[in-house]
Amino acid sequence: MLHHKLFILSMLTLLLFSCNKANDSNVHKYEKRVGVKYGPNDRNVLDLFLPKDRNTKDTKVFVWIHGGAWSDGDKSEFKHIQPFLDTTLNSYAFVSLNYRLFNANTNANRFPAQEEDIQLAMEFIYSKLSEWKVSENVVIAGASAGGHLALLQAFKHNQSGLIKAGIAYYPPTELVSYFPANLLSIAVLHGILNGNPNQRPEEYFQASPVNFITAESVPTLFFHGTADDVVPIQQSELLKEKLEEHNVPYDHIYFEGAGHAFSSQEAQETVRRIRDFLNLQGL
């Protein structure tokens, strides 16, 4: 039953953009490298889309982390999103990456395996910027569990200053309060963190992005539906409160009545907001 719910959740993430048709003609302007290894595990691979006219001054990097409750999903999710980003983020290279998935049957790859893989991937990307002929301006983004991992990396592991902005679609941000949200959150968090918040307080603290927001945190953009019953909108409200508390630049859209997936019109609005937000940050 849990595996079935995880499959449904990963499909909801794909619906973010797949419900809309986009012009993918821009894909031909990229040099595409598939399955680039960034670490020792079979899941430590990424797909890279480098503009053919890139340069180290103007070409920024947009990193996408897939969703799926930390237990499902794949970097191929990005193919549903890239055509929309192509039309708005013309000066970007794109990276979509995999990470180790928690196995609910064997309990393999408990957290922080996923967090550690994102750290490893970002270190690899940092080491390759010169070789790839792109700039050091990196944006990290993701949806659902991917949004959680993107924010955790941006707030907790950005000592190098590589990440210049964070973007998240309906992310879990504070896992103690997220734990009792629904049967899925209880089952998944109990599994990946090996217990409930009372049993594993330090693990829940360390895995919650909002706990690492400071006045030096990067500008942050996030989206959420008011009727999301997978990751309740209160998770984004907690994020908003912490960003305001520390005077961190942020923007957000709450879509009235939307659940854990957006309509075509809503998805297009998020991409326009990403463009405007990054322009405002000089990215």
C-alpha atoms as a PDB file:
ATOM      1  CA  MET A   1       0.000   0.000   0.000  1.00  0.00           C
ATOM      2  CA  LEU A   2       2.786   2.449   0.870  1.00  0.00           C
ATOM      3  CA  HIS A   3       4.557   1.783  -2.429  1.00  0.00           C
ATOM      4  CA  HIS A   4       1.278   2.429  -4.274  1.00  0.00           C
ATOM      5  CA  LYS A   5       0.869   5.773  -2.480  1.00  0.00           C
ATOM      6  CA  LEU A   6       4.456   6.739  -3.319  1.00  0.00           C
ATOM      7  CA  PHE A   7       3.847   5.954  -6.988  1.00  0.00           C
ATOM      8  CA  ILE A   8       0.751   8.155  -6.997  1.00  0.00           C
ATOM      9  CA  LEU A   9       2.716  10.942  -5.291  1.00  0.00           C
ATOM     10  CA  SER A  10       5.481  10.818  -7.886  1.00  0.00           C
ATOM     11  CA  MET A  11       2.881  10.948 -10.665  1.00  0.00           C
ATOM     12  CA  LEU A  12       1.333  14.030  -9.070  1.00  0.00           C
ATOM     13  CA  THR A  13       4.704  15.713  -9.238  1.00  0.00           C
ATOM     14  CA  LEU A  14       4.950  14.929 -12.937  1.00  0.00           C
ATOM     15  CA  LEU A  15       1.538  16.503 -13.482  1.00  0.00           C
ATOM     16  CA  LEU A  16       3.059  19.839 -12.521  1.00  0.00           C
ATOM     17  CA  PHE A  17       3.912  20.507 -16.159  1.00  0.00           C
ATOM     18  CA  SER A  18       2.993  17.421 -18.175  1.00  0.00           C
ATOM     19  CA  CYS A  19      -0.623  18.486 -18.494  1.00  0.00           C
ATOM     20  CA  ASN A  20       0.490  21.304 -20.768  1.00  0.00           C
ATOM     21  CA  LYS A  21       1.947  21.196 -24.256  1.00  0.00           C
ATOM     22  CA  ALA A  22       5.103  23.205 -24.763  1.00  0.00           C
ATOM     23  CA  ASN A  23       7.259  24.016 -27.746  1.00  0.00           C
ATOM     24  CA  ASP A  24      10.384  21.931 -27.301  1.00  0.00           C
ATOM     25  CA  SER A  25      12.232  23.297 -30.333  1.00  0.00           C
ATOM     26  CA  ASN A  26      14.748  24.999 -28.053  1.00  0.00           C
ATOM     27  CA  VAL A  27      16.046  21.628 -26.918  1.00  0.00           C
ATOM     28  CA  HIS A  28      18.259  21.550 -30.011  1.00  0.00           C
ATOM     29  CA  LYS A  29      20.310  24.472 -28.717  1.00  0.00           C
ATOM     30  CA  TYR A  30      21.770  22.271 -25.969  1.00  0.00           C
ATOM     31  CA  GLU A  31      24.651  19.887 -25.728  1.00  0.00           C
ATOM     32  CA  LYS A  32      23.026  17.078 -23.751  1.00  0.00           C
ATOM     33  CA  ARG A  33      24.969  14.697 -21.512  1.00  0.00           C
ATOM     34  CA  VAL A  34      22.928  11.908 -19.932  1.00  0.00           C
ATOM     35  CA  GLY A  35      23.851   9.830 -16.897  1.00  0.00           C
ATOM     36  CA  VAL A  36      26.923  11.774 -15.805  1.00  0.00           C
ATOM     37  CA  LYS A  37      28.325  10.177 -12.646  1.00  0.00           C
ATOM     38  CA  TYR A  38      28.790  12.452  -9.648  1.00  0.00           C
ATOM     39  CA  GLY A  39      29.356   9.779  -6.972  1.00  0.00           C
ATOM     40  CA  PRO A  40      29.869   6.059  -6.326  1.00  0.00           C
ATOM     41  CA  ASN A  41      26.248   4.894  -6.063  1.00  0.00           C
ATOM     42  CA  ASP A  42      24.230   3.847  -9.128  1.00  0.00           C
ATOM     43  CA  ARG A  43      21.778   6.651  -8.307  1.00  0.00           C
ATOM     44  CA  ASN A  44      24.550   9.253  -8.239  1.00  0.00           C
ATOM     45  CA  VAL A  45      23.956  10.408 -11.805  1.00  0.00           C
ATOM     46  CA  LEU A  46      22.759  13.604 -13.444  1.00  0.00           C
ATOM     47  CA  ASP A  47      21.638  14.858 -16.829  1.00  0.00           C
ATOM     48  CA  LEU A  48      23.278  17.999 -18.150  1.00  0.00           C
ATOM     49  CA  PHE A  49      21.969  20.472 -20.735  1.00  0.00           C
ATOM     50  CA  LEU A  50      24.657  22.947 -21.803  1.00  0.00           C
ATOM     51  CA  PRO A  51      23.733  25.777 -24.191  1.00  0.00           C
ATOM     52  CA  LYS A  52      25.921  25.642 -27.266  1.00  0.00           C
ATOM     53  CA  ASP A  53      26.513  29.402 -27.063  1.00  0.00           C
ATOM     54  CA  ARG A  54      27.436  29.372 -23.341  1.00  0.00           C
ATOM     55  CA  ASN A  55      30.208  31.319 -21.650  1.00  0.00           C
ATOM     56  CA  THR A  56      31.647  31.633 -18.158  1.00  0.00           C
ATOM     57  CA  LYS A  57      30.333  35.163 -17.676  1.00  0.00           C
ATOM     58  CA  ASP A  58      26.681  34.983 -18.666  1.00  0.00           C
ATOM     59  CA  THR A  59      25.559  31.353 -18.500  1.00  0.00           C
ATOM     60  CA  LYS A  60      23.946  30.520 -15.159  1.00  0.00           C
ATOM     61  CA  VAL A  61      23.117  27.020 -13.891  1.00  0.00           C
ATOM     62  CA  PHE A  62      19.650  25.795 -12.883  1.00  0.00           C
ATOM     63  CA  VAL A  63      19.671  22.564 -10.836  1.00  0.00           C
ATOM     64  CA  TRP A  64      16.445  20.537 -10.591  1.00  0.00           C
ATOM     65  CA  ILE A  65      15.758  17.893  -7.894  1.00  0.00           C
ATOM     66  CA  HIS A  66      12.870  15.505  -8.512  1.00  0.00           C
ATOM     67  CA  GLY A  67      10.097  14.674  -6.058  1.00  0.00           C
ATOM     68  CA  GLY A  68       8.553  11.376  -4.937  1.00  0.00           C
ATOM     69  CA  ALA A  69       8.508  11.345  -1.113  1.00  0.00           C
ATOM     70  CA  TRP A  70      12.287  10.676  -0.960  1.00  0.00           C
ATOM     71  CA  SER A  71      11.363   7.127  -2.020  1.00  0.00           C
ATOM     72  CA  ASP A  72      10.430   7.319  -5.692  1.00  0.00           C
ATOM     73  CA  GLY A  73      10.896   9.449  -8.790  1.00  0.00           C
ATOM     74  CA  ASP A  74      13.651  10.067 -11.303  1.00  0.00           C
ATOM     75  CA  LYS A  75      15.666  12.847 -12.940  1.00  0.00           C
ATOM     76  CA  SER A  76      13.652  12.269 -16.130  1.00  0.00           C
ATOM     77  CA  GLU A  77      10.915  14.311 -14.431  1.00  0.00           C
ATOM     78  CA  PHE A  78      12.778  17.341 -15.761  1.00  0.00           C
ATOM     79  CA  LYS A  79      11.710  16.665 -19.349  1.00  0.00           C
ATOM     80  CA  HIS A  80       8.228  17.898 -18.407  1.00  0.00           C
ATOM     81  CA  ILE A  81       9.608  21.154 -17.083  1.00  0.00           C
ATOM     82  CA  GLN A  82      12.491  22.079 -19.348  1.00  0.00           C
ATOM     83  CA  PRO A  83      10.461  23.274 -22.374  1.00  0.00           C
ATOM     84  CA  PHE A  84       8.803  25.891 -20.171  1.00  0.00           C
ATOM     85  CA  LEU A  85      12.077  27.009 -18.660  1.00  0.00           C
ATOM     86  CA  ASP A  86      13.697  27.174 -22.106  1.00  0.00           C
ATOM     87  CA  THR A  87      11.321  29.924 -23.135  1.00  0.00           C
ATOM     88  CA  THR A  88      11.988  32.043 -20.045  1.00  0.00           C
ATOM     89  CA  LEU A  89      15.511  31.301 -18.804  1.00  0.00           C
ATOM     90  CA  ASN A  90      17.465  31.714 -22.019  1.00  0.00           C
ATOM     91  CA  SER A  91      20.853  32.188 -20.377  1.00  0.00           C
ATOM     92  CA  TYR A  92      20.825  29.015 -18.261  1.00  0.00           C
ATOM     93  CA  ALA A  93      22.363  25.580 -18.370  1.00  0.00           C
ATOM     94  CA  PHE A  94      20.224  22.909 -16.708  1.00  0.00           C
ATOM     95  CA  VAL A  95      21.099  19.998 -14.446  1.00  0.00           C
ATOM     96  CA  SER A  96      18.625  17.315 -13.346  1.00  0.00           C
ATOM     97  CA  LEU A  97      19.894  14.803 -10.828  1.00  0.00           C
ATOM     98  CA  ASN A  98      19.051  11.521  -9.162  1.00  0.00           C
ATOM     99  CA  TYR A  99      19.767  10.606  -5.560  1.00  0.00           C
ATOM    100  CA  ARG A 100      19.463   7.482  -3.432  1.00  0.00           C
ATOM    101  CA  LEU A 101      15.870   6.539  -2.657  1.00  0.00           C
ATOM    102  CA  PHE A 102      14.586   5.201   0.634  1.00  0.00           C
ATOM    103  CA  ASN A 103      13.387   1.611   0.310  1.00  0.00           C
ATOM    104  CA  ALA A 104      10.362   1.058   2.555  1.00  0.00           C
ATOM    105  CA  ASN A 105      10.711  -2.726   2.290  1.00  0.00           C
ATOM    106  CA  THR A 106      14.351  -2.997   3.381  1.00  0.00           C
ATOM    107  CA  ASN A 107      14.811   0.385   5.137  1.00  0.00           C
ATOM    108  CA  ALA A 108      17.842   0.993   2.931  1.00  0.00           C
ATOM    109  CA  ASN A 109      18.927   4.589   2.300  1.00  0.00           C
ATOM    110  CA  ARG A 110      17.386   6.222   5.315  1.00  0.00           C
ATOM    111  CA  PHE A 111      17.847   9.958   5.635  1.00  0.00           C
ATOM    112  CA  PRO A 112      20.300  11.706   5.434  1.00  0.00           C
ATOM    113  CA  ALA A 113      21.342   9.589   2.403  1.00  0.00           C
ATOM    114  CA  GLN A 114      19.344  11.896   0.127  1.00  0.00           C
ATOM    115  CA  GLU A 115      20.753  15.037   1.732  1.00  0.00           C
ATOM    116  CA  GLU A 116      24.293  13.693   1.424  1.00  0.00           C
ATOM    117  CA  ASP A 117      23.792  12.903  -2.255  1.00  0.00           C
ATOM    118  CA  ILE A 118      22.635  16.447  -2.996  1.00  0.00           C
ATOM    119  CA  GLN A 119      25.722  17.762  -1.200  1.00  0.00           C
ATOM    120  CA  LEU A 120      27.900  15.443  -3.284  1.00  0.00           C
ATOM    121  CA  ALA A 121      26.176  16.491  -6.493  1.00  0.00           C
ATOM    122  CA  MET A 122      26.626  20.191  -5.744  1.00  0.00           C
ATOM    123  CA  GLU A 123      30.308  19.671  -4.945  1.00  0.00           C
ATOM    124  CA  PHE A 124      30.684  17.877  -8.267  1.00  0.00           C
ATOM    125  CA  ILE A 125      28.878  20.659 -10.126  1.00  0.00           C
ATOM    126  CA  TYR A 126      31.098  23.251  -8.435  1.00  0.00           C
ATOM    127  CA  SER A 127      34.204  21.360  -9.560  1.00  0.00           C
ATOM    128  CA  LYS A 128      32.989  21.234 -13.171  1.00  0.00           C
ATOM    129  CA  LEU A 129      31.864  24.824 -13.764  1.00  0.00           C
ATOM    130  CA  SER A 130      35.082  25.854 -15.485  1.00  0.00           C
ATOM    131  CA  GLU A 131      35.190  22.696 -17.617  1.00  0.00           C
ATOM    132  CA  TRP A 132      31.553  23.165 -18.600  1.00  0.00           C
ATOM    133  CA  LYS A 133      32.250  26.841 -19.446  1.00  0.00           C
ATOM    134  CA  VAL A 134      29.465  28.234 -17.273  1.00  0.00           C
ATOM    135  CA  SER A 135      29.399  30.820 -14.480  1.00  0.00           C
ATOM    136  CA  GLU A 136      29.364  30.354 -10.713  1.00  0.00           C
ATOM    137  CA  ASN A 137      25.779  31.608 -10.471  1.00  0.00           C
ATOM    138  CA  VAL A 138      23.740  28.552  -9.509  1.00  0.00           C
ATOM    139  CA  VAL A 139      20.020  28.286  -8.735  1.00  0.00           C
ATOM    140  CA  ILE A 140      18.675  25.179  -7.003  1.00  0.00           C
ATOM    141  CA  ALA A 141      15.039  24.079  -7.337  1.00  0.00           C
ATOM    142  CA  GLY A 142      12.717  21.138  -6.852  1.00  0.00           C
ATOM    143  CA  ALA A 143       9.173  19.958  -6.233  1.00  0.00           C
ATOM    144  CA  SER A 144       7.746  18.315  -3.112  1.00  0.00           C
ATOM    145  CA  ALA A 145      10.541  16.158  -1.623  1.00  0.00           C
ATOM    146  CA  GLY A 146      12.816  17.704  -4.236  1.00  0.00           C
ATOM    147  CA  GLY A 147      11.837  21.147  -3.016  1.00  0.00           C
ATOM    148  CA  HIS A 148      12.651  20.075   0.534  1.00  0.00           C
ATOM    149  CA  LEU A 149      16.090  18.851  -0.543  1.00  0.00           C
ATOM    150  CA  ALA A 150      16.726  22.015  -2.570  1.00  0.00           C
ATOM    151  CA  LEU A 151      15.926  24.258   0.398  1.00  0.00           C
ATOM    152  CA  LEU A 152      17.932  22.101   2.783  1.00  0.00           C
ATOM    153  CA  GLN A 153      20.959  22.425   0.536  1.00  0.00           C
ATOM    154  CA  ALA A 154      20.462  26.172   0.044  1.00  0.00           C
ATOM    155  CA  PHE A 155      20.033  26.978   3.734  1.00  0.00           C
ATOM    156  CA  LYS A 156      22.224  24.366   5.430  1.00  0.00           C
ATOM    157  CA  HIS A 157      25.037  23.503   3.031  1.00  0.00           C
ATOM    158  CA  ASN A 158      25.831  26.639   1.049  1.00  0.00           C
ATOM    159  CA  GLN A 159      29.024  27.663   2.796  1.00  0.00           C
ATOM    160  CA  SER A 160      30.758  28.067  -0.579  1.00  0.00           C
ATOM    161  CA  GLY A 161      28.143  30.601  -1.673  1.00  0.00           C
ATOM    162  CA  LEU A 162      27.655  28.641  -4.896  1.00  0.00           C
ATOM    163  CA  ILE A 163      23.854  28.728  -4.658  1.00  0.00           C
ATOM    164  CA  LYS A 164      22.466  32.202  -5.333  1.00  0.00           C
ATOM    165  CA  ALA A 165      18.734  31.430  -5.043  1.00  0.00           C
ATOM    166  CA  GLY A 166      16.390  28.623  -3.993  1.00  0.00           C
ATOM    167  CA  ILE A 167      13.059  27.665  -5.588  1.00  0.00           C
ATOM    168  CA  ALA A 168      10.558  25.138  -4.237  1.00  0.00           C
ATOM    169  CA  TYR A 169       7.165  23.805  -5.289  1.00  0.00           C
ATOM    170  CA  TYR A 170       4.974  22.734  -2.322  1.00  0.00           C
ATOM    171  CA  PRO A 171       7.911  21.692  -0.119  1.00  0.00           C
ATOM    172  CA  PRO A 172       7.963  20.088   3.325  1.00  0.00           C
ATOM    173  CA  THR A 173       9.961  22.589   5.376  1.00  0.00           C
ATOM    174  CA  GLU A 174       9.518  21.635   9.053  1.00  0.00           C
ATOM    175  CA  LEU A 175       9.227  17.892   9.529  1.00  0.00           C
ATOM    176  CA  VAL A 176       7.973  17.786  13.127  1.00  0.00           C
ATOM    177  CA  SER A 177       4.795  19.613  12.150  1.00  0.00           C
ATOM    178  CA  TYR A 178       4.628  17.782   8.815  1.00  0.00           C
ATOM    179  CA  PHE A 179       4.742  14.338  10.459  1.00  0.00           C
ATOM    180  CA  PRO A 180       1.035  14.151  11.480  1.00  0.00           C
ATOM    181  CA  ALA A 181      -0.275  15.804   8.300  1.00  0.00           C
ATOM    182  CA  ASN A 182      -1.650  12.594   6.757  1.00  0.00           C
ATOM    183  CA  LEU A 183      -1.124   8.836   6.647  1.00  0.00           C
ATOM    184  CA  LEU A 184       1.506   9.158   3.932  1.00  0.00           C
ATOM    185  CA  SER A 185       3.602  11.702   5.832  1.00  0.00           C
ATOM    186  CA  ILE A 186       3.448   9.559   8.983  1.00  0.00           C
ATOM    187  CA  ALA A 187       4.499   6.400   7.149  1.00  0.00           C
ATOM    188  CA  VAL A 188       7.237   7.989   5.051  1.00  0.00           C
ATOM    189  CA  LEU A 189       8.809  10.126   7.765  1.00  0.00           C
ATOM    190  CA  HIS A 190       8.672   7.299  10.301  1.00  0.00           C
ATOM    191  CA  GLY A 191      10.497   5.176   7.772  1.00  0.00           C
ATOM    192  CA  ILE A 192      13.153   7.529   6.470  1.00  0.00           C
ATOM    193  CA  LEU A 193      13.954   9.021   9.894  1.00  0.00           C
ATOM    194  CA  ASN A 194      13.573   5.737  11.785  1.00  0.00           C
ATOM    195  CA  GLY A 195      10.896   6.902  14.190  1.00  0.00           C
ATOM    196  CA  ASN A 196       8.564   9.723  15.126  1.00  0.00           C
ATOM    197  CA  PRO A 197       9.627  13.228  16.227  1.00  0.00           C
ATOM    198  CA  ASN A 198       9.604  12.294  19.913  1.00  0.00           C
ATOM    199  CA  GLN A 199      11.890   9.346  19.243  1.00  0.00           C
ATOM    200  CA  ARG A 200      14.227  11.149  16.838  1.00  0.00           C
ATOM    201  CA  PRO A 201      14.174  14.874  17.692  1.00  0.00           C
ATOM    202  CA  GLU A 202      17.685  15.603  16.409  1.00  0.00           C
ATOM    203  CA  GLU A 203      17.073  13.809  13.123  1.00  0.00           C
ATOM    204  CA  TYR A 204      13.866  15.770  12.530  1.00  0.00           C
ATOM    205  CA  PHE A 205      15.606  19.035  13.418  1.00  0.00           C
ATOM    206  CA  GLN A 206      18.543  18.404  11.109  1.00  0.00           C
ATOM    207  CA  ALA A 207      16.245  17.435   8.228  1.00  0.00           C
ATOM    208  CA  SER A 208      14.069  20.582   8.442  1.00  0.00           C
ATOM    209  CA  PRO A 209      15.169  23.441   6.132  1.00  0.00           C
ATOM    210  CA  VAL A 210      13.548  26.233   8.173  1.00  0.00           C
ATOM    211  CA  ASN A 211      15.861  25.480  11.089  1.00  0.00           C
ATOM    212  CA  PHE A 212      18.837  26.705   9.074  1.00  0.00           C
ATOM    213  CA  ILE A 213      17.524  30.015   7.791  1.00  0.00           C
ATOM    214  CA  THR A 214      19.677  32.974   8.808  1.00  0.00           C
ATOM    215  CA  ALA A 215      20.034  36.587   7.733  1.00  0.00           C
ATOM    216  CA  GLU A 216      22.600  35.351   5.199  1.00  0.00           C
ATOM    217  CA  SER A 217      20.273  32.852   3.512  1.00  0.00           C
ATOM    218  CA  VAL A 218      19.751  33.074  -0.227  1.00  0.00           C
ATOM    219  CA  PRO A 219      16.671  34.681  -1.812  1.00  0.00           C
ATOM    220  CA  THR A 220      13.877  32.141  -1.958  1.00  0.00           C
ATOM    221  CA  LEU A 221      10.834  31.606  -4.178  1.00  0.00           C
ATOM    222  CA  PHE A 222       8.110  29.072  -3.437  1.00  0.00           C
ATOM    223  CA  PHE A 223       4.712  27.928  -4.688  1.00  0.00           C
ATOM    224  CA  HIS A 224       1.884  26.083  -2.950  1.00  0.00           C
ATOM    225  CA  GLY A 225      -1.761  25.200  -3.415  1.00  0.00           C
ATOM    226  CA  THR A 226      -4.173  26.123  -0.647  1.00  0.00           C
ATOM    227  CA  ALA A 227      -5.916  22.728  -0.909  1.00  0.00           C
ATOM    228  CA  ASP A 228      -2.761  20.594  -0.903  1.00  0.00           C
ATOM    229  CA  ASP A 229      -3.543  17.547   1.256  1.00  0.00           C
ATOM    230  CA  VAL A 230      -0.177  15.843   0.628  1.00  0.00           C
ATOM    231  CA  VAL A 231       2.051  18.674   1.850  1.00  0.00           C
ATOM    232  CA  PRO A 232      -0.251  21.178   3.610  1.00  0.00           C
ATOM    233  CA  ILE A 233       0.237  24.846   2.819  1.00  0.00           C
ATOM    234  CA  GLN A 234       1.201  25.438   6.457  1.00  0.00           C
ATOM    235  CA  GLN A 235       4.630  24.123   5.486  1.00  0.00           C
ATOM    236  CA  SER A 236       5.100  27.099   3.178  1.00  0.00           C
ATOM    237  CA  GLU A 237       3.614  29.416   5.785  1.00  0.00           C
ATOM    238  CA  LEU A 238       6.318  28.298   8.229  1.00  0.00           C
ATOM    239  CA  LEU A 239       8.916  28.967   5.551  1.00  0.00           C
ATOM    240  CA  LYS A 240       7.480  32.428   4.926  1.00  0.00           C
ATOM    241  CA  GLU A 241       7.536  33.277   8.632  1.00  0.00           C
ATOM    242  CA  LYS A 242      11.170  32.257   9.028  1.00  0.00           C
ATOM    243  CA  LEU A 243      12.272  34.161   5.942  1.00  0.00           C
ATOM    244  CA  GLU A 244      10.507  37.267   7.193  1.00  0.00           C
ATOM    245  CA  GLU A 245      11.964  36.822  10.677  1.00  0.00           C
ATOM    246  CA  HIS A 246      15.471  36.934   9.234  1.00  0.00           C
ATOM    247  CA  ASN A 247      14.747  39.554   6.542  1.00  0.00           C
ATOM    248  CA  VAL A 248      15.588  37.168   3.701  1.00  0.00           C
ATOM    249  CA  PRO A 249      14.318  38.296   0.285  1.00  0.00           C
ATOM    250  CA  TYR A 250      11.522  36.023  -0.901  1.00  0.00           C
ATOM    251  CA  ASP A 251       8.496  35.764  -3.148  1.00  0.00           C
ATOM    252  CA  HIS A 252       5.688  33.237  -3.354  1.00  0.00           C
ATOM    253  CA  ILE A 253       2.389  32.338  -4.980  1.00  0.00           C
ATOM    254  CA  TYR A 254      -0.440  30.528  -3.228  1.00  0.00           C
ATOM    255  CA  PHE A 255      -2.886  29.078  -5.731  1.00  0.00           C
ATOM    256  CA  GLU A 256      -6.414  29.078  -4.340  1.00  0.00           C
ATOM    257  CA  GLY A 257      -7.982  25.616  -4.415  1.00  0.00           C
ATOM    258  CA  ALA A 258      -4.941  23.909  -5.944  1.00  0.00           C
ATOM    259  CA  GLY A 259      -3.701  20.604  -4.574  1.00  0.00           C
ATOM    260  CA  HIS A 260      -0.364  18.817  -4.892  1.00  0.00           C
ATOM    261  CA  ALA A 261      -0.223  19.583  -8.615  1.00  0.00           C
ATOM    262  CA  PHE A 262      -0.940  22.703 -10.621  1.00  0.00           C
ATOM    263  CA  SER A 263      -3.090  23.391 -13.657  1.00  0.00           C
ATOM    264  CA  SER A 264      -1.519  24.361 -16.961  1.00  0.00           C
ATOM    265  CA  GLN A 265      -2.266  28.032 -16.338  1.00  0.00           C
ATOM    266  CA  GLU A 266      -0.865  27.893 -12.814  1.00  0.00           C
ATOM    267  CA  ALA A 267       2.273  26.104 -13.990  1.00  0.00           C
ATOM    268  CA  GLN A 268       2.908  28.767 -16.598  1.00  0.00           C
ATOM    269  CA  GLU A 269       2.468  31.458 -13.956  1.00  0.00           C
ATOM    270  CA  THR A 270       5.124  29.827 -11.773  1.00  0.00           C
ATOM    271  CA  VAL A 271       7.618  29.879 -14.635  1.00  0.00           C
ATOM    272  CA  ARG A 272       6.950  33.553 -15.316  1.00  0.00           C
ATOM    273  CA  ARG A 273       7.430  34.272 -11.619  1.00  0.00           C
ATOM    274  CA  ILE A 274      10.714  32.340 -11.634  1.00  0.00           C
ATOM    275  CA  ARG A 275      11.947  34.509 -14.504  1.00  0.00           C
ATOM    276  CA  ASP A 276      10.936  37.750 -12.789  1.00  0.00           C
ATOM    277  CA  PHE A 277      12.313  36.673  -9.415  1.00  0.00           C
ATOM    278  CA  LEU A 278      15.695  35.663 -10.813  1.00  0.00           C
ATOM    279  CA  ASN A 279      15.902  38.854 -12.860  1.00  0.00           C
ATOM    280  CA  LEU A 280      15.286  40.820  -9.675  1.00  0.00           C
ATOM    281  CA  GLN A 281      18.201  38.998  -8.032  1.00  0.00           C
ATOM    282  CA  GLY A 282      20.444  39.771 -10.991  1.00  0.00           C
ATOM    283  CA  LEU A 283      20.411  36.168 -12.152  1.00  0.00           C
END
